[in-house]
Structure formats: structure tokens, C-alpha cells
Amino acid sequence: MHLTHIKLKPTTKIDLNFDTSEIGKGIESPKSAIEESKEYLKSNKHSDFYSKDLMVVVDQKLIYVFDYFIGKEKILIPEINPSTVFYSNAVMSHRRLVSFKKDLFENSPTVKNFNKRINLNLFGNFFQLASNCIVNLQAALESFANRQIPDNHPFLDVNGKEFEPSIFHKLDKALPEIKGKKFKSKFRKYNFLVRRVIELRNEIIHLTPIEETTNTKYKTTYRKLLSFDYAEAIISVEQLINFYEPGLIEKCDCGKEFYYDIEERYDSK
């Protein structure tokens, strides 16, 4: 399955219904505001020091940016919604992980016919992009949930005591309470794959050697990675995010293709 890369989105976007070139015309700014602006432009401090946010106009929309120092120069960088970045990472990993898995299957020796050389890079290349895909899908989910859930949202157990919620609790309990609708009950197949993404991510991040029956340490997790349906998992995460924030995950129509690859480089010396 071919997956199209998506558009990255800003954290905040405010539509404007007027000509931005007219901003400030005919209006005299307060002297204090002018002086503060001059001080900020000359200072070696971020806008945070002045308790101010920075916004710029992009395509007739206001978006948040933040300042960053390169030497003594301040540059402006757009504040991007992290869920779109993480999700984009997962999509851009997919194309080559599928190709690497195909190479692995076609060029690995069989038990009955051991006439091919073992190449460690075949599985290594697949594992790098497969784990990148899974980890970024989970990061997209968690960053999305954290953004949707207010800081003061109560997480209380049956005894009324606060607890640290898991990602499952945020997705299955908190988000439905806040949004007034439940993804799990409407899309059971997608919800199952979302849970598999989180479980497999946890298994990868906390990968521990297992020596219960044999000396082979990681084969159980590696088999799961080889059998996992990455395309359906990516679609499932998109469905959940767009269920609670319609249009956040939006396919790009630029006609270009972007994907991650692993390049072999050799020292020319």
C-alpha cells in the first residue's frame, strides 16, 4: 500500500478576514509598546523574558513562532504541531521498511537450502525503519492526547485519589469524556490496531533479553515486527486523530514524494 506524506500543521492557526498590509496604518502605537519592541530587538533575551508570544502572518493566517539565537542573531521558527511531525515520520518510514522486508525475505537462506550468505544489514535496515515507524506513531498519539486534555483535567481512581494516567487511559477514558464521543465504540478494528501500536512501541523501548527456553534473546519481538501490518496501523492512528480533531492529518497534494532511506557511504580515503 502506498501512503502519501502529509501536510505539517502549526500549533495554532487564526484565520484573518482582512488585508494584513493594512495592519498598523492610521493607528498610533502606545509609546510603552514601541519602547518595549525596541528593547526586545536589541536584547539578548527570548520573548519569554517579556512574557510575550510571537506571531506571524502566513497565507492570511496568524501562526505562533518562537525565537532562537544563532550567535547574536534572533531567528523566527514556526511552532509546528508535534503530532503532525511524528505522524509524518511514521509515513515517511513506511515505503522503505516494506522494501527492506521484501529484500530480507528474498535474500535470506532457508533452513532446507542454506546457500545464501547471511547479511546482517538486511534485517538491521528493516528494524531501523520499522521501529522508527512504531515509535513515531505512538508519539503522535500521546502528543495529540496531551494537547487535547486540559492541564486541570482530573485523573482520579475509584477512591478519589489522583493517579498518573497511561496513554490507554487518556485515549479510552479522558478523550471521550472531553470530546463527548468515543472512538473505541465506533471503530473497533482501528482501535485494536492503535492498542497494538502502543504495546509494540513499549516492547521496543523496553526491549529486554529473554532466556526462558533458548539463548536467542529478541526473536519474539523481532517476529512481531516482521508480521505487523504497518499500513493499517498508520491508517488507524490517522482515523483516531482526525476523529477527535477533524482534518489535522491531511494528505499533501503537492505531487512530490518524500520518504526516509538508509544510504551506504564510503570513506574516499
C-alpha atoms as a PDB file:
ATOM      1  CA  MET A   1       0.000   0.000   0.000  1.00  0.00           C
ATOM      2  CA  HIS A   2       1.323   3.432  -0.991  1.00  0.00           C
ATOM      3  CA  LEU A   3       0.918   6.099   1.705  1.00  0.00           C
ATOM      4  CA  THR A   4       1.078   9.804   0.845  1.00  0.00           C
ATOM      5  CA  HIS A   5       3.032  12.162   3.061  1.00  0.00           C
ATOM      6  CA  ILE A   6       1.019  14.743   4.974  1.00  0.00           C
ATOM      7  CA  LYS A   7       0.976  18.494   5.491  1.00  0.00           C
ATOM      8  CA  LEU A   8       2.660  19.720   8.651  1.00  0.00           C
ATOM      9  CA  LYS A   9       0.400  21.987  10.696  1.00  0.00           C
ATOM     10  CA  PRO A  10       1.152  24.829  13.127  1.00  0.00           C
ATOM     11  CA  THR A  11       0.126  24.541  16.760  1.00  0.00           C
ATOM     12  CA  THR A  12      -2.258  27.476  16.350  1.00  0.00           C
ATOM     13  CA  LYS A  13      -3.824  28.948  13.237  1.00  0.00           C
ATOM     14  CA  ILE A  14      -6.071  32.016  13.273  1.00  0.00           C
ATOM     15  CA  ASP A  15      -7.859  32.893  10.038  1.00  0.00           C
ATOM     16  CA  LEU A  16      -7.788  36.554   9.052  1.00  0.00           C
ATOM     17  CA  ASN A  17     -10.596  38.224   7.103  1.00  0.00           C
ATOM     18  CA  PHE A  18      -8.805  41.460   6.316  1.00  0.00           C
ATOM     19  CA  ASP A  19      -5.817  42.676   4.328  1.00  0.00           C
ATOM     20  CA  THR A  20      -2.790  42.222   6.573  1.00  0.00           C
ATOM     21  CA  SER A  21      -0.931  45.003   4.736  1.00  0.00           C
ATOM     22  CA  GLU A  22      -3.305  47.452   6.414  1.00  0.00           C
ATOM     23  CA  ILE A  23      -2.262  46.423   9.924  1.00  0.00           C
ATOM     24  CA  GLY A  24      -0.982  49.419  11.855  1.00  0.00           C
ATOM     25  CA  LYS A  25      -1.984  52.037   9.310  1.00  0.00           C
ATOM     26  CA  GLY A  26      -3.666  55.033  10.884  1.00  0.00           C
ATOM     27  CA  ILE A  27      -3.083  53.678  14.374  1.00  0.00           C
ATOM     28  CA  GLU A  28      -0.537  55.182  16.719  1.00  0.00           C
ATOM     29  CA  SER A  29       1.084  52.572  18.942  1.00  0.00           C
ATOM     30  CA  PRO A  30       1.474  53.395  22.652  1.00  0.00           C
ATOM     31  CA  LYS A  31       4.912  54.740  23.490  1.00  0.00           C
ATOM     32  CA  SER A  32       5.454  51.931  26.022  1.00  0.00           C
ATOM     33  CA  ALA A  33       4.820  49.305  23.333  1.00  0.00           C
ATOM     34  CA  ILE A  34       7.274  50.970  20.949  1.00  0.00           C
ATOM     35  CA  GLU A  35       9.959  51.145  23.614  1.00  0.00           C
ATOM     36  CA  GLU A  36       9.390  47.523  24.598  1.00  0.00           C
ATOM     37  CA  SER A  37       9.698  46.427  20.958  1.00  0.00           C
ATOM     38  CA  LYS A  38      12.957  48.326  20.558  1.00  0.00           C
ATOM     39  CA  GLU A  39      14.327  46.788  23.734  1.00  0.00           C
ATOM     40  CA  TYR A  40      13.382  43.275  22.605  1.00  0.00           C
ATOM     41  CA  LEU A  41      15.010  43.746  19.190  1.00  0.00           C
ATOM     42  CA  LYS A  42      18.291  44.820  20.772  1.00  0.00           C
ATOM     43  CA  SER A  43      18.261  42.424  23.722  1.00  0.00           C
ATOM     44  CA  ASN A  44      19.927  39.028  24.138  1.00  0.00           C
ATOM     45  CA  LYS A  45      16.762  37.572  25.671  1.00  0.00           C
ATOM     46  CA  HIS A  46      13.966  35.447  24.253  1.00  0.00           C
ATOM     47  CA  SER A  47      10.427  36.791  24.003  1.00  0.00           C
ATOM     48  CA  ASP A  48       9.575  34.590  27.016  1.00  0.00           C
ATOM     49  CA  PHE A  49      11.543  37.008  29.214  1.00  0.00           C
ATOM     50  CA  TYR A  50       8.986  39.697  28.311  1.00  0.00           C
ATOM     51  CA  SER A  51       6.046  37.293  28.777  1.00  0.00           C
ATOM     52  CA  LYS A  52       5.164  37.728  25.111  1.00  0.00           C
ATOM     53  CA  ASP A  53       4.197  35.360  22.321  1.00  0.00           C
ATOM     54  CA  LEU A  54       5.340  35.915  18.759  1.00  0.00           C
ATOM     55  CA  MET A  55       3.007  35.523  15.786  1.00  0.00           C
ATOM     56  CA  VAL A  56       3.478  35.951  12.049  1.00  0.00           C
ATOM     57  CA  VAL A  57       1.130  36.018   9.076  1.00  0.00           C
ATOM     58  CA  VAL A  58       1.308  33.022   6.713  1.00  0.00           C
ATOM     59  CA  ASP A  59      -1.240  32.682   3.888  1.00  0.00           C
ATOM     60  CA  GLN A  60      -3.678  35.087   5.541  1.00  0.00           C
ATOM     61  CA  LYS A  61      -3.422  33.211   8.840  1.00  0.00           C
ATOM     62  CA  LEU A  62      -1.731  34.043  12.116  1.00  0.00           C
ATOM     63  CA  ILE A  63       0.518  31.301  13.495  1.00  0.00           C
ATOM     64  CA  TYR A  64       2.754  31.134  16.544  1.00  0.00           C
ATOM     65  CA  VAL A  65       6.523  31.247  16.120  1.00  0.00           C
ATOM     66  CA  PHE A  66       9.377  31.200  18.605  1.00  0.00           C
ATOM     67  CA  ASP A  67      12.719  32.968  18.564  1.00  0.00           C
ATOM     68  CA  TYR A  68      16.052  31.181  18.598  1.00  0.00           C
ATOM     69  CA  PHE A  69      19.560  32.591  18.797  1.00  0.00           C
ATOM     70  CA  ILE A  70      22.210  31.851  16.196  1.00  0.00           C
ATOM     71  CA  GLY A  71      25.130  33.702  17.642  1.00  0.00           C
ATOM     72  CA  LYS A  72      23.700  37.143  18.404  1.00  0.00           C
ATOM     73  CA  GLU A  73      21.019  36.970  15.733  1.00  0.00           C
ATOM     74  CA  LYS A  74      17.431  36.015  16.570  1.00  0.00           C
ATOM     75  CA  ILE A  75      15.626  33.942  14.000  1.00  0.00           C
ATOM     76  CA  LEU A  76      11.923  33.051  13.924  1.00  0.00           C
ATOM     77  CA  ILE A  77      10.852  29.408  13.717  1.00  0.00           C
ATOM     78  CA  PRO A  78       7.239  28.243  13.290  1.00  0.00           C
ATOM     79  CA  GLU A  79       5.810  26.258  16.179  1.00  0.00           C
ATOM     80  CA  ILE A  80       4.705  23.028  14.495  1.00  0.00           C
ATOM     81  CA  ASN A  81       2.092  20.663  15.920  1.00  0.00           C
ATOM     82  CA  PRO A  82       4.248  17.714  17.068  1.00  0.00           C
ATOM     83  CA  SER A  83       1.554  15.152  16.286  1.00  0.00           C
ATOM     84  CA  THR A  84       1.823  16.000  12.590  1.00  0.00           C
ATOM     85  CA  VAL A  85       5.629  15.717  12.704  1.00  0.00           C
ATOM     86  CA  PHE A  86       5.569  12.329  14.449  1.00  0.00           C
ATOM     87  CA  TYR A  87       2.862  11.007  12.147  1.00  0.00           C
ATOM     88  CA  SER A  88       4.795  12.274   9.118  1.00  0.00           C
ATOM     89  CA  ASN A  89       7.897  10.442  10.365  1.00  0.00           C
ATOM     90  CA  ALA A  90       5.929   7.205  10.517  1.00  0.00           C
ATOM     91  CA  VAL A  91       4.550   7.615   6.991  1.00  0.00           C
ATOM     92  CA  MET A  92       7.958   8.510   5.584  1.00  0.00           C
ATOM     93  CA  SER A  93       9.434   5.358   7.156  1.00  0.00           C
ATOM     94  CA  HIS A  94       6.818   3.074   5.634  1.00  0.00           C
ATOM     95  CA  ARG A  95       7.878   2.927   1.996  1.00  0.00           C
ATOM     96  CA  ARG A  96      11.421   1.728   2.649  1.00  0.00           C
ATOM     97  CA  LEU A  97      10.601  -0.598   5.537  1.00  0.00           C
ATOM     98  CA  VAL A  98       8.310  -2.505   3.167  1.00  0.00           C
ATOM     99  CA  SER A  99      11.109  -2.646   0.599  1.00  0.00           C
ATOM    100  CA  PHE A 100      13.662  -3.737   3.197  1.00  0.00           C
ATOM    101  CA  LYS A 101      11.352  -6.511   4.415  1.00  0.00           C
ATOM    102  CA  LYS A 102      10.971  -7.747   0.838  1.00  0.00           C
ATOM    103  CA  ASP A 103      14.772  -7.777   0.403  1.00  0.00           C
ATOM    104  CA  LEU A 104      15.144  -9.645   3.680  1.00  0.00           C
ATOM    105  CA  PHE A 105      12.629 -12.335   2.740  1.00  0.00           C
ATOM    106  CA  GLU A 106      14.050 -12.798  -0.758  1.00  0.00           C
ATOM    107  CA  ASN A 107      17.722 -12.886   0.205  1.00  0.00           C
ATOM    108  CA  SER A 108      17.730 -14.885   3.433  1.00  0.00           C
ATOM    109  CA  PRO A 109      18.727 -18.567   3.366  1.00  0.00           C
ATOM    110  CA  THR A 110      16.127 -21.201   4.166  1.00  0.00           C
ATOM    111  CA  VAL A 111      16.541 -23.955   6.734  1.00  0.00           C
ATOM    112  CA  LYS A 112      16.496 -26.592   3.989  1.00  0.00           C
ATOM    113  CA  ASN A 113      18.607 -24.692   1.482  1.00  0.00           C
ATOM    114  CA  PHE A 114      21.370 -22.790   3.230  1.00  0.00           C
ATOM    115  CA  ASN A 115      23.051 -21.493   0.080  1.00  0.00           C
ATOM    116  CA  LYS A 116      22.830 -17.745   0.714  1.00  0.00           C
ATOM    117  CA  ARG A 117      25.200 -15.640   2.757  1.00  0.00           C
ATOM    118  CA  ILE A 118      23.797 -14.159   5.963  1.00  0.00           C
ATOM    119  CA  ASN A 119      23.692 -10.384   5.629  1.00  0.00           C
ATOM    120  CA  LEU A 120      23.182  -8.606   8.951  1.00  0.00           C
ATOM    121  CA  ASN A 121      22.226  -5.358   7.220  1.00  0.00           C
ATOM    122  CA  LEU A 122      19.092  -6.865   5.673  1.00  0.00           C
ATOM    123  CA  PHE A 123      17.286  -7.209   8.992  1.00  0.00           C
ATOM    124  CA  GLY A 124      19.095  -4.231  10.512  1.00  0.00           C
ATOM    125  CA  ASN A 125      17.823  -1.864   7.819  1.00  0.00           C
ATOM    126  CA  PHE A 126      14.278  -3.162   8.225  1.00  0.00           C
ATOM    127  CA  PHE A 127      14.417  -2.949  12.016  1.00  0.00           C
ATOM    128  CA  GLN A 128      15.629   0.659  11.958  1.00  0.00           C
ATOM    129  CA  LEU A 129      12.701   1.933   9.919  1.00  0.00           C
ATOM    130  CA  ALA A 130      10.119  -0.434  11.424  1.00  0.00           C
ATOM    131  CA  SER A 131      10.949   0.670  14.966  1.00  0.00           C
ATOM    132  CA  ASN A 132      11.053   4.307  13.823  1.00  0.00           C
ATOM    133  CA  CYS A 133       7.572   3.922  12.358  1.00  0.00           C
ATOM    134  CA  ILE A 134       6.099   2.345  15.504  1.00  0.00           C
ATOM    135  CA  VAL A 135       7.750   4.728  17.966  1.00  0.00           C
ATOM    136  CA  ASN A 136       6.617   7.777  15.992  1.00  0.00           C
ATOM    137  CA  LEU A 137       3.040   6.522  15.668  1.00  0.00           C
ATOM    138  CA  GLN A 138       2.842   6.177  19.436  1.00  0.00           C
ATOM    139  CA  ALA A 139       4.425   9.613  19.890  1.00  0.00           C
ATOM    140  CA  ALA A 140       1.806  11.089  17.540  1.00  0.00           C
ATOM    141  CA  LEU A 141      -0.950   9.551  19.660  1.00  0.00           C
ATOM    142  CA  GLU A 142       0.446  10.630  23.018  1.00  0.00           C
ATOM    143  CA  SER A 143       1.343  14.180  21.965  1.00  0.00           C
ATOM    144  CA  PHE A 144      -2.145  14.514  20.471  1.00  0.00           C
ATOM    145  CA  ALA A 145      -3.854  13.279  23.645  1.00  0.00           C
ATOM    146  CA  ASN A 146      -1.703  15.525  25.855  1.00  0.00           C
ATOM    147  CA  ARG A 147      -2.629  18.539  23.740  1.00  0.00           C
ATOM    148  CA  GLN A 148      -6.354  17.786  23.872  1.00  0.00           C
ATOM    149  CA  ILE A 149      -6.543  17.110  27.609  1.00  0.00           C
ATOM    150  CA  PRO A 150      -6.515  20.290  29.765  1.00  0.00           C
ATOM    151  CA  ASP A 151      -3.869  20.595  32.470  1.00  0.00           C
ATOM    152  CA  ASN A 152      -6.569  20.693  35.142  1.00  0.00           C
ATOM    153  CA  HIS A 153      -8.394  17.568  33.920  1.00  0.00           C
ATOM    154  CA  PRO A 154      -8.853  15.324  36.985  1.00  0.00           C
ATOM    155  CA  PHE A 155      -7.375  11.824  36.902  1.00  0.00           C
ATOM    156  CA  LEU A 156      -8.939  10.128  39.928  1.00  0.00           C
ATOM    157  CA  ASP A 157      -9.231   6.471  40.883  1.00  0.00           C
ATOM    158  CA  VAL A 158     -12.314   4.863  42.464  1.00  0.00           C
ATOM    159  CA  ASN A 159     -11.209   6.223  45.847  1.00  0.00           C
ATOM    160  CA  GLY A 160     -10.914   9.770  44.557  1.00  0.00           C
ATOM    161  CA  LYS A 161      -7.114   9.779  44.629  1.00  0.00           C
ATOM    162  CA  GLU A 162      -5.048  11.260  41.800  1.00  0.00           C
ATOM    163  CA  PHE A 163      -3.002   8.909  39.645  1.00  0.00           C
ATOM    164  CA  GLU A 164      -0.668   9.168  36.667  1.00  0.00           C
ATOM    165  CA  PRO A 165      -2.720   8.116  33.629  1.00  0.00           C
ATOM    166  CA  SER A 166      -1.426   5.727  30.987  1.00  0.00           C
ATOM    167  CA  ILE A 167      -1.748   6.506  27.293  1.00  0.00           C
ATOM    168  CA  PHE A 168      -4.551   3.919  27.189  1.00  0.00           C
ATOM    169  CA  HIS A 169      -6.470   5.802  29.885  1.00  0.00           C
ATOM    170  CA  LYS A 170      -6.015   9.092  28.044  1.00  0.00           C
ATOM    171  CA  LEU A 171      -7.309   7.652  24.766  1.00  0.00           C
ATOM    172  CA  ASP A 172     -10.060   5.377  26.104  1.00  0.00           C
ATOM    173  CA  LYS A 173     -11.353   7.453  29.017  1.00  0.00           C
ATOM    174  CA  ALA A 174     -10.203  11.096  29.097  1.00  0.00           C
ATOM    175  CA  LEU A 175     -10.595  11.994  25.413  1.00  0.00           C
ATOM    176  CA  PRO A 176     -14.155  10.585  25.143  1.00  0.00           C
ATOM    177  CA  GLU A 177     -15.131  12.495  28.296  1.00  0.00           C
ATOM    178  CA  ILE A 178     -13.725  15.764  26.932  1.00  0.00           C
ATOM    179  CA  LYS A 179     -14.953  15.389  23.354  1.00  0.00           C
ATOM    180  CA  GLY A 180     -18.301  13.756  24.115  1.00  0.00           C
ATOM    181  CA  LYS A 181     -17.744  10.887  21.693  1.00  0.00           C
ATOM    182  CA  LYS A 182     -15.901   7.583  21.826  1.00  0.00           C
ATOM    183  CA  PHE A 183     -13.605   6.356  19.066  1.00  0.00           C
ATOM    184  CA  LYS A 184     -13.370   2.865  20.556  1.00  0.00           C
ATOM    185  CA  SER A 185     -17.077   2.101  20.226  1.00  0.00           C
ATOM    186  CA  LYS A 186     -17.310   3.339  16.609  1.00  0.00           C
ATOM    187  CA  PHE A 187     -14.095   1.909  15.153  1.00  0.00           C
ATOM    188  CA  ARG A 188     -13.206  -1.294  16.963  1.00  0.00           C
ATOM    189  CA  LYS A 189     -10.798  -2.564  14.289  1.00  0.00           C
ATOM    190  CA  TYR A 190      -8.872   0.715  14.179  1.00  0.00           C
ATOM    191  CA  ASN A 191      -8.881   0.932  17.969  1.00  0.00           C
ATOM    192  CA  PHE A 192      -7.424  -2.580  18.226  1.00  0.00           C
ATOM    193  CA  LEU A 193      -4.552  -1.615  15.925  1.00  0.00           C
ATOM    194  CA  VAL A 194      -3.937   1.592  17.885  1.00  0.00           C
ATOM    195  CA  ARG A 195      -3.523  -0.530  21.019  1.00  0.00           C
ATOM    196  CA  ARG A 196      -1.157  -2.854  19.163  1.00  0.00           C
ATOM    197  CA  VAL A 197       0.957   0.150  18.142  1.00  0.00           C
ATOM    198  CA  ILE A 198       1.302   1.271  21.763  1.00  0.00           C
ATOM    199  CA  GLU A 199       2.015  -2.239  23.044  1.00  0.00           C
ATOM    200  CA  LEU A 200       4.647  -2.883  20.375  1.00  0.00           C
ATOM    201  CA  ARG A 201       6.247   0.501  20.974  1.00  0.00           C
ATOM    202  CA  ASN A 202       6.530  -0.276  24.689  1.00  0.00           C
ATOM    203  CA  GLU A 203       8.057  -3.633  23.852  1.00  0.00           C
ATOM    204  CA  ILE A 204      10.637  -1.981  21.584  1.00  0.00           C
ATOM    205  CA  ILE A 205      11.543   0.813  24.018  1.00  0.00           C
ATOM    206  CA  HIS A 206      11.865  -1.598  26.953  1.00  0.00           C
ATOM    207  CA  LEU A 207      13.408  -4.393  24.904  1.00  0.00           C
ATOM    208  CA  THR A 208      14.780  -6.968  27.324  1.00  0.00           C
ATOM    209  CA  PRO A 209      16.655 -10.190  26.555  1.00  0.00           C
ATOM    210  CA  ILE A 210      14.554 -13.292  27.196  1.00  0.00           C
ATOM    211  CA  GLU A 211      16.293 -16.550  28.059  1.00  0.00           C
ATOM    212  CA  GLU A 212      13.445 -18.729  29.264  1.00  0.00           C
ATOM    213  CA  THR A 213      13.812 -21.557  26.754  1.00  0.00           C
ATOM    214  CA  THR A 214      16.712 -20.736  24.434  1.00  0.00           C
ATOM    215  CA  ASN A 215      19.702 -18.449  24.179  1.00  0.00           C
ATOM    216  CA  THR A 216      18.135 -16.363  21.386  1.00  0.00           C
ATOM    217  CA  LYS A 217      17.336 -13.059  23.096  1.00  0.00           C
ATOM    218  CA  TYR A 218      14.933 -10.992  20.996  1.00  0.00           C
ATOM    219  CA  LYS A 219      13.266 -13.299  18.487  1.00  0.00           C
ATOM    220  CA  THR A 220       9.713 -12.901  19.863  1.00  0.00           C
ATOM    221  CA  THR A 221       9.713  -9.127  19.379  1.00  0.00           C
ATOM    222  CA  TYR A 222      11.503  -9.381  16.030  1.00  0.00           C
ATOM    223  CA  ARG A 223       8.873 -11.807  14.720  1.00  0.00           C
ATOM    224  CA  LYS A 224       6.128  -9.370  15.775  1.00  0.00           C
ATOM    225  CA  LEU A 225       7.834  -6.581  13.852  1.00  0.00           C
ATOM    226  CA  LEU A 226       8.059  -8.726  10.731  1.00  0.00           C
ATOM    227  CA  SER A 227       4.387  -9.712  10.931  1.00  0.00           C
ATOM    228  CA  PHE A 228       2.983  -6.299  11.835  1.00  0.00           C
ATOM    229  CA  ASP A 229       0.643  -4.508   9.405  1.00  0.00           C
ATOM    230  CA  TYR A 230       2.260  -1.066   9.310  1.00  0.00           C
ATOM    231  CA  ALA A 231      -0.012   0.449   6.651  1.00  0.00           C
ATOM    232  CA  GLU A 232      -3.188  -0.422   8.565  1.00  0.00           C
ATOM    233  CA  ALA A 233      -1.634   0.826  11.804  1.00  0.00           C
ATOM    234  CA  ILE A 234      -0.768   4.161  10.201  1.00  0.00           C
ATOM    235  CA  ILE A 235      -4.317   4.491   8.869  1.00  0.00           C
ATOM    236  CA  SER A 236      -5.743   3.589  12.297  1.00  0.00           C
ATOM    237  CA  VAL A 237      -3.756   6.331  14.027  1.00  0.00           C
ATOM    238  CA  GLU A 238      -4.902   8.818  11.386  1.00  0.00           C
ATOM    239  CA  GLN A 239      -8.520   7.765  11.956  1.00  0.00           C
ATOM    240  CA  LEU A 240      -8.294   8.308  15.725  1.00  0.00           C
ATOM    241  CA  ILE A 241      -6.606  11.706  15.493  1.00  0.00           C
ATOM    242  CA  ASN A 242      -8.992  13.013  12.845  1.00  0.00           C
ATOM    243  CA  PHE A 243     -11.965  11.595  14.772  1.00  0.00           C
ATOM    244  CA  TYR A 244     -11.212  13.988  17.629  1.00  0.00           C
ATOM    245  CA  GLU A 245      -9.695  16.840  15.560  1.00  0.00           C
ATOM    246  CA  PRO A 246     -11.056  16.635  12.014  1.00  0.00           C
ATOM    247  CA  GLY A 247      -8.575  17.500   9.279  1.00  0.00           C
ATOM    248  CA  LEU A 248      -5.446  17.597  11.434  1.00  0.00           C
ATOM    249  CA  ILE A 249      -3.899  14.737   9.458  1.00  0.00           C
ATOM    250  CA  GLU A 250      -4.193  15.960   5.883  1.00  0.00           C
ATOM    251  CA  LYS A 251      -2.584  14.312   2.873  1.00  0.00           C
ATOM    252  CA  CYS A 252      -0.331  16.584   0.847  1.00  0.00           C
ATOM    253  CA  ASP A 253      -1.396  17.275  -2.737  1.00  0.00           C
ATOM    254  CA  CYS A 254       1.929  18.728  -3.903  1.00  0.00           C
ATOM    255  CA  GLY A 255       2.599  15.733  -6.157  1.00  0.00           C
ATOM    256  CA  LYS A 256       6.031  15.141  -4.622  1.00  0.00           C
ATOM    257  CA  GLU A 257       7.091  12.080  -2.674  1.00  0.00           C
ATOM    258  CA  PHE A 258       9.195  12.063   0.479  1.00  0.00           C
ATOM    259  CA  TYR A 259      10.481   9.032   2.342  1.00  0.00           C
ATOM    260  CA  TYR A 260      13.351   8.033   4.589  1.00  0.00           C
ATOM    261  CA  ASP A 261      16.112   5.813   3.278  1.00  0.00           C
ATOM    262  CA  ILE A 262      19.367   4.328   4.532  1.00  0.00           C
ATOM    263  CA  GLU A 263      22.320   5.328   2.430  1.00  0.00           C
ATOM    264  CA  GLU A 264      25.629   3.495   2.340  1.00  0.00           C
ATOM    265  CA  ARG A 265      28.543   5.898   2.358  1.00  0.00           C
ATOM    266  CA  TYR A 266      32.171   5.016   1.943  1.00  0.00           C
ATOM    267  CA  ASP A 267      35.238   6.927   3.045  1.00  0.00           C
ATOM    268  CA  SER A 268      37.094   8.016  -0.085  1.00  0.00           C
ATOM    269  CA  LYS A 269      40.461   7.912   1.658  1.00  0.00           C
END
